[in-house]
């Protein structure tokens, strides 16, 4: 049985599958959501130990979803890692202001995702 649960919130199927493939090397159950609204709902219902969140998505963008997750009493303790092509310094600062724990810029190396898992779950 997996010791951790990780939520991947990504609307691009190729990106979503790639992050899930990278996370298959980790002792964790991986749950997916295809947009920010679904991500907020799954964060509340699944109570993951870690969330990887895209920014540019339909319904609710990743910054707004992150803000909702990190400000809700039931989910505020869950670390959110923003994974986005929006990785200018201003975007990183904005992500932190929304409650994000870290930012990984796209394109990324697989180890950058695994480094966040190691840093935040162990």
N, C-alpha and C. Protein backbone atom coordinates (compact mmCIF):
# COMPACT_ATOMS: atom_id res chain seq x y z
N UNK A 1 0.84 -1.19 0.00
CA UNK A 1 0.00 0.00 0.00
C UNK A 1 0.88 1.25 0.00
N UNK A 2 0.49 2.22 -0.79
CA UNK A 2 1.27 3.46 -0.90
C UNK A 2 1.26 4.21 0.43
N UNK A 3 2.39 4.81 0.75
CA UNK A 3 2.49 5.55 2.00
C UNK A 3 2.03 6.99 1.87
N UNK A 4 2.00 7.51 0.64
CA UNK A 4 1.60 8.89 0.41
C UNK A 4 0.60 8.97 -0.74
N UNK A 5 -0.09 10.10 -0.80
CA UNK A 5 -1.01 10.37 -1.91
C UNK A 5 -0.62 11.71 -2.52
N UNK A 6 -0.48 11.72 -3.85
CA UNK A 6 -0.09 12.93 -4.57
C UNK A 6 -1.17 13.25 -5.60
N UNK A 7 -1.60 14.50 -5.61
CA UNK A 7 -2.59 14.98 -6.58
C UNK A 7 -1.87 15.75 -7.67
N UNK A 8 -2.13 15.38 -8.92
CA UNK A 8 -1.58 16.07 -10.08
C UNK A 8 -2.74 16.81 -10.76
N UNK A 9 -2.65 18.14 -10.80
CA UNK A 9 -3.70 18.96 -11.42
C UNK A 9 -3.11 19.55 -12.70
N UNK A 10 -3.52 19.00 -13.84
CA UNK A 10 -2.93 19.38 -15.14
C UNK A 10 -3.96 19.10 -16.23
N UNK A 11 -4.26 20.12 -17.05
CA UNK A 11 -5.26 19.95 -18.11
C UNK A 11 -4.69 19.33 -19.38
N UNK A 12 -3.39 19.44 -19.61
CA UNK A 12 -2.76 18.88 -20.79
C UNK A 12 -2.49 17.39 -20.55
N UNK A 13 -3.14 16.53 -21.34
CA UNK A 13 -3.05 15.09 -21.13
C UNK A 13 -1.61 14.58 -21.20
N UNK A 14 -0.84 15.09 -22.16
CA UNK A 14 0.56 14.66 -22.31
C UNK A 14 1.36 15.01 -21.06
N UNK A 15 1.21 16.24 -20.58
CA UNK A 15 1.92 16.67 -19.36
C UNK A 15 1.45 15.86 -18.15
N UNK A 16 0.15 15.66 -18.05
CA UNK A 16 -0.41 14.90 -16.93
C UNK A 16 0.17 13.49 -16.89
N UNK A 17 0.18 12.83 -18.05
CA UNK A 17 0.73 11.47 -18.12
C UNK A 17 2.21 11.44 -17.79
N UNK A 18 2.94 12.47 -18.24
CA UNK A 18 4.38 12.50 -17.97
C UNK A 18 4.66 12.64 -16.47
N UNK A 19 3.97 13.55 -15.81
CA UNK A 19 4.18 13.71 -14.36
C UNK A 19 3.80 12.42 -13.64
N UNK A 20 2.70 11.79 -14.04
CA UNK A 20 2.30 10.52 -13.42
C UNK A 20 3.37 9.45 -13.63
N UNK A 21 3.98 9.42 -14.83
CA UNK A 21 5.04 8.45 -15.12
C UNK A 21 6.24 8.71 -14.20
N UNK A 22 6.62 9.97 -14.05
CA UNK A 22 7.73 10.32 -13.15
C UNK A 22 7.41 9.88 -11.73
N UNK A 23 6.17 10.10 -11.30
CA UNK A 23 5.77 9.76 -9.93
C UNK A 23 5.58 8.26 -9.72
N UNK A 24 5.57 7.48 -10.81
CA UNK A 24 5.42 6.03 -10.66
C UNK A 24 6.63 5.42 -9.96
N UNK A 25 7.73 6.18 -9.88
CA UNK A 25 8.94 5.72 -9.20
C UNK A 25 8.91 6.01 -7.70
N UNK A 26 7.81 6.60 -7.24
CA UNK A 26 7.69 7.01 -5.84
C UNK A 26 6.63 6.12 -5.17
N UNK A 27 6.82 5.83 -3.90
CA UNK A 27 5.84 5.04 -3.16
C UNK A 27 4.66 5.93 -2.81
N UNK A 28 3.79 6.16 -3.81
CA UNK A 28 2.65 7.05 -3.59
C UNK A 28 1.51 6.67 -4.53
N UNK A 29 0.30 6.89 -4.04
CA UNK A 29 -0.88 6.77 -4.89
C UNK A 29 -1.01 8.12 -5.60
N UNK A 30 -1.20 8.09 -6.91
CA UNK A 30 -1.32 9.32 -7.68
C UNK A 30 -2.77 9.50 -8.13
N UNK A 31 -3.31 10.66 -7.82
CA UNK A 31 -4.68 11.02 -8.19
C UNK A 31 -4.57 12.20 -9.15
N UNK A 32 -5.45 12.26 -10.17
CA UNK A 32 -5.36 13.35 -11.14
C UNK A 32 -6.65 14.17 -11.20
N UNK A 33 -6.46 15.43 -11.58
CA UNK A 33 -7.57 16.34 -11.85
C UNK A 33 -7.21 17.09 -13.13
N UNK A 34 -8.22 17.41 -13.93
CA UNK A 34 -7.98 18.01 -15.24
C UNK A 34 -8.16 19.51 -15.31
N UNK A 35 -8.54 20.14 -14.20
CA UNK A 35 -8.64 21.59 -14.18
C UNK A 35 -8.60 22.07 -12.72
N UNK A 36 -8.50 23.37 -12.54
CA UNK A 36 -8.36 23.93 -11.20
C UNK A 36 -9.56 23.65 -10.30
N UNK A 37 -10.77 23.74 -10.86
CA UNK A 37 -11.98 23.49 -10.07
C UNK A 37 -11.98 22.05 -9.54
N UNK A 38 -11.68 21.10 -10.43
CA UNK A 38 -11.61 19.69 -10.04
C UNK A 38 -10.47 19.48 -9.04
N UNK A 39 -9.38 20.21 -9.22
CA UNK A 39 -8.24 20.11 -8.31
C UNK A 39 -8.61 20.52 -6.89
N UNK A 40 -9.35 21.63 -6.77
CA UNK A 40 -9.79 22.09 -5.45
C UNK A 40 -10.72 21.05 -4.81
N UNK A 41 -11.64 20.50 -5.61
CA UNK A 41 -12.57 19.49 -5.11
C UNK A 41 -11.83 18.23 -4.66
N UNK A 42 -10.88 17.77 -5.48
CA UNK A 42 -10.14 16.55 -5.12
C UNK A 42 -9.20 16.78 -3.95
N UNK A 43 -8.67 17.98 -3.80
CA UNK A 43 -7.83 18.28 -2.64
C UNK A 43 -8.66 18.09 -1.36
N UNK A 44 -9.91 18.54 -1.39
CA UNK A 44 -10.79 18.42 -0.23
C UNK A 44 -11.23 16.98 0.01
N UNK A 45 -11.55 16.26 -1.05
CA UNK A 45 -12.08 14.90 -0.88
C UNK A 45 -10.99 13.84 -0.70
N UNK A 46 -9.87 14.00 -1.38
CA UNK A 46 -8.80 12.98 -1.34
C UNK A 46 -7.76 13.23 -0.24
N UNK A 47 -7.65 14.47 0.22
CA UNK A 47 -6.66 14.85 1.24
C UNK A 47 -5.26 14.34 0.89
N UNK A 48 -4.72 14.77 -0.28
CA UNK A 48 -3.38 14.31 -0.67
C UNK A 48 -2.30 14.89 0.26
N UNK A 49 -1.13 14.28 0.21
CA UNK A 49 0.01 14.75 0.99
C UNK A 49 0.78 15.84 0.24
N UNK A 50 0.57 15.92 -1.07
CA UNK A 50 1.30 16.85 -1.92
C UNK A 50 0.50 17.08 -3.19
N UNK A 51 0.55 18.30 -3.73
CA UNK A 51 -0.16 18.63 -4.96
C UNK A 51 0.82 19.26 -5.95
N UNK A 52 0.80 18.77 -7.20
CA UNK A 52 1.51 19.41 -8.30
C UNK A 52 0.44 20.09 -9.14
N UNK A 53 0.56 21.41 -9.34
CA UNK A 53 -0.50 22.23 -9.94
C UNK A 53 -0.01 23.02 -11.14
N UNK A 54 -0.64 22.81 -12.29
CA UNK A 54 -0.40 23.65 -13.46
C UNK A 54 -1.04 25.01 -13.21
N UNK A 55 -0.71 26.01 -14.01
CA UNK A 55 -1.31 27.33 -13.84
C UNK A 55 -2.39 27.61 -14.89
N UNK A 56 -2.05 27.46 -16.15
CA UNK A 56 -2.98 27.82 -17.23
C UNK A 56 -3.93 26.65 -17.47
N UNK A 57 -5.15 26.77 -16.91
CA UNK A 57 -6.17 25.71 -17.03
C UNK A 57 -7.55 26.34 -17.13
N UNK A 58 -8.51 25.57 -17.68
CA UNK A 58 -9.88 26.06 -17.74
C UNK A 58 -10.54 26.04 -16.36
N UNK A 59 -11.69 26.66 -16.26
CA UNK A 59 -12.51 26.73 -15.03
C UNK A 59 -11.88 27.67 -14.01
N UNK A 60 -10.84 27.19 -13.33
CA UNK A 60 -10.12 28.00 -12.34
C UNK A 60 -8.64 27.81 -12.65
N UNK A 61 -7.87 28.90 -12.76
CA UNK A 61 -6.44 28.73 -13.04
C UNK A 61 -5.72 28.21 -11.79
N UNK A 62 -4.49 27.77 -11.99
CA UNK A 62 -3.73 27.17 -10.90
C UNK A 62 -3.44 28.10 -9.74
N UNK A 63 -3.23 29.38 -10.02
CA UNK A 63 -2.98 30.33 -8.93
C UNK A 63 -4.21 30.45 -8.04
N UNK A 64 -5.40 30.59 -8.66
CA UNK A 64 -6.64 30.71 -7.88
C UNK A 64 -6.93 29.41 -7.13
N UNK A 65 -6.70 28.27 -7.78
CA UNK A 65 -6.92 26.98 -7.12
C UNK A 65 -5.98 26.82 -5.93
N UNK A 66 -4.71 27.21 -6.12
CA UNK A 66 -3.73 27.15 -5.03
C UNK A 66 -4.18 28.01 -3.86
N UNK A 67 -4.63 29.23 -4.17
CA UNK A 67 -5.10 30.15 -3.13
C UNK A 67 -6.27 29.54 -2.36
N UNK A 68 -7.22 28.92 -3.08
CA UNK A 68 -8.37 28.29 -2.41
C UNK A 68 -7.93 27.14 -1.51
N UNK A 69 -7.02 26.31 -2.01
CA UNK A 69 -6.55 25.14 -1.25
C UNK A 69 -5.78 25.58 0.00
N UNK A 70 -4.89 26.56 -0.17
CA UNK A 70 -4.03 26.95 0.95
C UNK A 70 -4.71 27.88 1.94
N UNK A 71 -5.91 28.37 1.60
CA UNK A 71 -6.63 29.22 2.55
C UNK A 71 -7.81 28.50 3.21
N UNK A 72 -8.13 27.30 2.75
CA UNK A 72 -9.22 26.52 3.34
C UNK A 72 -8.68 25.74 4.54
N UNK A 73 -9.37 25.82 5.66
CA UNK A 73 -8.91 25.16 6.89
C UNK A 73 -8.67 23.67 6.70
N UNK A 74 -9.47 23.02 5.87
CA UNK A 74 -9.37 21.56 5.68
C UNK A 74 -8.16 21.16 4.83
N UNK A 75 -7.66 22.06 3.99
CA UNK A 75 -6.59 21.69 3.06
C UNK A 75 -5.35 22.57 3.15
N UNK A 76 -5.34 23.54 4.04
CA UNK A 76 -4.24 24.52 4.05
C UNK A 76 -2.87 23.93 4.39
N UNK A 77 -2.83 22.76 4.99
CA UNK A 77 -1.55 22.14 5.33
C UNK A 77 -0.92 21.34 4.20
N UNK A 78 -1.61 21.24 3.07
CA UNK A 78 -1.10 20.44 1.94
C UNK A 78 -0.15 21.30 1.11
N UNK A 79 1.11 20.88 0.94
CA UNK A 79 2.02 21.67 0.10
C UNK A 79 1.60 21.62 -1.36
N UNK A 80 1.62 22.78 -2.02
CA UNK A 80 1.28 22.89 -3.44
C UNK A 80 2.52 23.34 -4.20
N UNK A 81 2.91 22.55 -5.19
CA UNK A 81 4.04 22.89 -6.05
C UNK A 81 3.46 23.31 -7.41
N UNK A 82 3.69 24.55 -7.79
CA UNK A 82 3.25 25.03 -9.09
C UNK A 82 4.21 24.50 -10.15
N UNK A 83 3.66 23.88 -11.20
CA UNK A 83 4.45 23.38 -12.33
C UNK A 83 3.93 24.10 -13.55
N UNK A 84 4.70 25.07 -14.05
CA UNK A 84 4.15 25.93 -15.10
C UNK A 84 5.22 26.52 -16.01
N UNK A 85 4.80 26.83 -17.22
CA UNK A 85 5.67 27.56 -18.14
C UNK A 85 5.74 29.03 -17.74
N UNK A 86 4.83 29.45 -16.85
CA UNK A 86 4.86 30.82 -16.33
C UNK A 86 5.87 30.83 -15.17
N UNK A 87 7.15 30.93 -15.53
CA UNK A 87 8.17 30.82 -14.49
C UNK A 87 9.13 32.01 -14.47
N UNK A 88 8.60 33.18 -14.79
CA UNK A 88 9.37 34.41 -14.61
C UNK A 88 9.42 34.68 -13.10
N UNK A 89 10.33 35.53 -12.69
CA UNK A 89 10.46 35.83 -11.25
C UNK A 89 9.15 36.35 -10.66
N UNK A 90 8.44 37.20 -11.41
CA UNK A 90 7.15 37.73 -10.92
C UNK A 90 6.13 36.61 -10.72
N UNK A 91 6.14 35.61 -11.61
CA UNK A 91 5.22 34.47 -11.47
C UNK A 91 5.55 33.66 -10.23
N UNK A 92 6.84 33.50 -9.95
CA UNK A 92 7.26 32.75 -8.76
C UNK A 92 6.84 33.47 -7.48
N UNK A 93 7.01 34.78 -7.47
CA UNK A 93 6.59 35.57 -6.31
C UNK A 93 5.08 35.48 -6.15
N UNK A 94 4.34 35.62 -7.25
CA UNK A 94 2.88 35.54 -7.20
C UNK A 94 2.44 34.16 -6.69
N UNK A 95 3.11 33.10 -7.16
CA UNK A 95 2.78 31.74 -6.70
C UNK A 95 2.94 31.64 -5.18
N UNK A 96 4.03 32.18 -4.65
CA UNK A 96 4.24 32.14 -3.21
C UNK A 96 3.18 32.95 -2.47
N UNK A 97 2.77 34.08 -3.05
CA UNK A 97 1.72 34.89 -2.42
C UNK A 97 0.38 34.15 -2.41
N UNK A 98 0.19 33.21 -3.35
CA UNK A 98 -1.04 32.41 -3.38
C UNK A 98 -0.96 31.20 -2.46
N UNK A 99 0.20 31.01 -1.84
CA UNK A 99 0.37 29.91 -0.89
C UNK A 99 1.19 28.75 -1.39
N UNK A 100 1.73 28.84 -2.61
CA UNK A 100 2.53 27.74 -3.15
C UNK A 100 3.80 27.54 -2.33
N UNK A 101 4.17 26.30 -2.16
CA UNK A 101 5.38 25.94 -1.43
C UNK A 101 6.62 26.07 -2.32
N UNK A 102 6.45 25.75 -3.61
CA UNK A 102 7.58 25.78 -4.56
C UNK A 102 7.05 25.96 -5.97
N UNK A 103 7.96 26.27 -6.88
CA UNK A 103 7.63 26.41 -8.29
C UNK A 103 8.64 25.60 -9.10
N UNK A 104 8.14 24.80 -10.04
CA UNK A 104 8.98 24.07 -10.99
C UNK A 104 8.58 24.59 -12.37
N UNK A 105 9.55 25.11 -13.11
CA UNK A 105 9.27 25.67 -14.42
C UNK A 105 9.26 24.61 -15.51
N UNK A 106 8.33 24.76 -16.46
CA UNK A 106 8.31 23.91 -17.66
C UNK A 106 9.15 24.60 -18.72
N UNK A 107 9.93 23.87 -19.49
CA UNK A 107 10.12 22.43 -19.36
C UNK A 107 10.99 22.11 -18.15
N UNK A 108 10.78 20.97 -17.58
CA UNK A 108 11.52 20.58 -16.38
C UNK A 108 12.21 19.24 -16.61
N UNK A 109 13.19 18.97 -15.79
CA UNK A 109 13.83 17.66 -15.78
C UNK A 109 13.07 16.80 -14.78
N UNK A 110 12.96 15.51 -15.05
CA UNK A 110 12.22 14.61 -14.15
C UNK A 110 12.68 14.73 -12.70
N UNK A 111 13.99 14.88 -12.50
CA UNK A 111 14.52 14.95 -11.14
C UNK A 111 13.97 16.16 -10.37
N UNK A 112 13.56 17.23 -11.08
CA UNK A 112 13.02 18.40 -10.38
C UNK A 112 11.70 18.06 -9.69
N UNK A 113 10.89 17.21 -10.32
CA UNK A 113 9.64 16.74 -9.70
C UNK A 113 9.98 15.84 -8.53
N UNK A 114 10.89 14.90 -8.75
CA UNK A 114 11.27 13.96 -7.69
C UNK A 114 11.95 14.67 -6.52
N UNK A 115 12.71 15.72 -6.80
CA UNK A 115 13.35 16.50 -5.72
C UNK A 115 12.29 17.13 -4.82
N UNK A 116 11.19 17.61 -5.42
CA UNK A 116 10.11 18.20 -4.61
C UNK A 116 9.44 17.14 -3.74
N UNK A 117 9.23 15.96 -4.31
CA UNK A 117 8.63 14.86 -3.54
C UNK A 117 9.53 14.55 -2.34
N UNK A 118 10.82 14.40 -2.61
CA UNK A 118 11.78 14.09 -1.54
C UNK A 118 11.80 15.16 -0.48
N UNK A 119 11.83 16.43 -0.91
CA UNK A 119 11.91 17.55 0.03
C UNK A 119 10.64 17.71 0.88
N UNK A 120 9.49 17.45 0.28
CA UNK A 120 8.24 17.76 0.95
C UNK A 120 7.54 16.57 1.61
N UNK A 121 7.95 15.35 1.27
CA UNK A 121 7.28 14.18 1.86
C UNK A 121 8.17 13.35 2.77
N UNK A 122 9.44 13.72 2.91
CA UNK A 122 10.32 12.88 3.73
C UNK A 122 11.01 13.65 4.82
